[in-house]
Amino acid sequence: AFVSLQIVGMRGSHVKTIVHKKQLLGHYEVQWNSTDESGNVVATGTYFCRLTINQDAVDVRKFLFVK
């Protein structure tokens, strides 16, 4: 399946794409180094993690990033 894992800001702005590729069925673990696409460390605040699989299934989780 094609998998996309993105970090999104509170107002819906794109922060960073962590995964954007085809992957086999299984369990995966990723780490986010708290930077945006430009390599800048993001501010403390509320963010969303959006997981999309084959553009059909979407799961969104809210989290708080604290420095």
C-alpha atoms as a PDB file:
ATOM      1  CA  ALA A   1       0.000   0.000   0.000  1.00  0.00           C
ATOM      2  CA  PHE A   2       1.085   3.593  -0.518  1.00  0.00           C
ATOM      3  CA  VAL A   3       1.647   5.231   2.876  1.00  0.00           C
ATOM      4  CA  SER A   4       1.939   8.900   3.769  1.00  0.00           C
ATOM      5  CA  LEU A   5       2.718  10.087   7.300  1.00  0.00           C
ATOM      6  CA  GLN A   6       2.697  13.839   7.815  1.00  0.00           C
ATOM      7  CA  ILE A   7       3.010  16.293  10.673  1.00  0.00           C
ATOM      8  CA  VAL A   8       0.488  19.122  10.404  1.00  0.00           C
ATOM      9  CA  GLY A   9       0.219  22.342  12.429  1.00  0.00           C
ATOM     10  CA  MET A  10      -2.791  23.377  14.483  1.00  0.00           C
ATOM     11  CA  ARG A  11      -4.130  25.569  11.661  1.00  0.00           C
ATOM     12  CA  GLY A  12      -3.706  22.820   9.074  1.00  0.00           C
ATOM     13  CA  SER A  13      -0.348  23.955   7.705  1.00  0.00           C
ATOM     14  CA  HIS A  14       2.021  21.250   6.481  1.00  0.00           C
ATOM     15  CA  VAL A  15       5.049  20.909   8.766  1.00  0.00           C
ATOM     16  CA  LYS A  16       6.880  17.787   7.589  1.00  0.00           C
ATOM     17  CA  THR A  17       6.398  14.577   5.646  1.00  0.00           C
ATOM     18  CA  ILE A  18       7.910  11.653   7.548  1.00  0.00           C
ATOM     19  CA  VAL A  19       6.947   8.810   5.164  1.00  0.00           C
ATOM     20  CA  HIS A  20       5.753   9.025   1.555  1.00  0.00           C
ATOM     21  CA  LYS A  21       6.261   5.680  -0.181  1.00  0.00           C
ATOM     22  CA  LYS A  22       4.885   2.241  -0.925  1.00  0.00           C
ATOM     23  CA  GLN A  23       5.305  -0.195   1.969  1.00  0.00           C
ATOM     24  CA  LEU A  24       4.574  -3.846   2.605  1.00  0.00           C
ATOM     25  CA  LEU A  25       2.079  -4.958   5.237  1.00  0.00           C
ATOM     26  CA  GLY A  26       3.608  -4.973   8.702  1.00  0.00           C
ATOM     27  CA  HIS A  27       4.493  -2.906  11.755  1.00  0.00           C
ATOM     28  CA  TYR A  28       6.746   0.110  11.337  1.00  0.00           C
ATOM     29  CA  GLU A  29       8.289   2.609  13.714  1.00  0.00           C
ATOM     30  CA  VAL A  30       9.450   6.105  12.812  1.00  0.00           C
ATOM     31  CA  GLN A  31      10.940   8.991  14.738  1.00  0.00           C
ATOM     32  CA  TRP A  32      10.425  12.698  14.135  1.00  0.00           C
ATOM     33  CA  ASN A  33      13.300  14.959  15.110  1.00  0.00           C
ATOM     34  CA  SER A  34      10.939  17.929  15.735  1.00  0.00           C
ATOM     35  CA  THR A  35      12.013  19.823  12.613  1.00  0.00           C
ATOM     36  CA  ASP A  36      10.040  21.163   9.684  1.00  0.00           C
ATOM     37  CA  GLU A  37      10.844  20.552   5.992  1.00  0.00           C
ATOM     38  CA  SER A  38      13.533  23.285   6.121  1.00  0.00           C
ATOM     39  CA  GLY A  39      15.301  21.730   9.110  1.00  0.00           C
ATOM     40  CA  ASN A  40      14.134  24.344  11.619  1.00  0.00           C
ATOM     41  CA  VAL A  41      13.028  23.113  15.051  1.00  0.00           C
ATOM     42  CA  VAL A  42       9.287  23.668  15.435  1.00  0.00           C
ATOM     43  CA  ALA A  43       7.742  25.697  18.230  1.00  0.00           C
ATOM     44  CA  THR A  44       6.114  24.221  21.309  1.00  0.00           C
ATOM     45  CA  GLY A  45       2.456  23.613  20.597  1.00  0.00           C
ATOM     46  CA  THR A  46      -0.266  21.304  19.369  1.00  0.00           C
ATOM     47  CA  TYR A  47       0.297  19.315  16.168  1.00  0.00           C
ATOM     48  CA  PHE A  48      -1.443  16.538  14.281  1.00  0.00           C
ATOM     49  CA  CYS A  49       0.009  13.343  12.892  1.00  0.00           C
ATOM     50  CA  ARG A  50      -1.904  12.307   9.734  1.00  0.00           C
ATOM     51  CA  LEU A  51      -1.511   8.753   8.391  1.00  0.00           C
ATOM     52  CA  THR A  52      -2.955   8.116   4.925  1.00  0.00           C
ATOM     53  CA  ILE A  53      -3.032   4.680   3.299  1.00  0.00           C
ATOM     54  CA  ASN A  54      -3.802   4.430  -0.434  1.00  0.00           C
ATOM     55  CA  GLN A  55      -5.647   7.772  -0.202  1.00  0.00           C
ATOM     56  CA  ASP A  56      -8.623   5.803   1.169  1.00  0.00           C
ATOM     57  CA  ALA A  57      -7.952   5.364   4.873  1.00  0.00           C
ATOM     58  CA  VAL A  58      -6.941   8.359   6.984  1.00  0.00           C
ATOM     59  CA  ASP A  59      -6.148   8.428  10.701  1.00  0.00           C
ATOM     60  CA  VAL A  60      -5.346  11.667  12.519  1.00  0.00           C
ATOM     61  CA  ARG A  61      -3.925  11.936  16.034  1.00  0.00           C
ATOM     62  CA  LYS A  62      -3.393  15.131  18.011  1.00  0.00           C
ATOM     63  CA  PHE A  63      -0.279  15.550  20.136  1.00  0.00           C
ATOM     64  CA  LEU A  64       1.460  18.232  22.162  1.00  0.00           C
ATOM     65  CA  PHE A  65       5.099  19.007  21.401  1.00  0.00           C
ATOM     66  CA  VAL A  66       6.996  20.462  24.373  1.00  0.00           C
ATOM     67  CA  LYS A  67      10.657  21.502  24.257  1.00  0.00           C
END
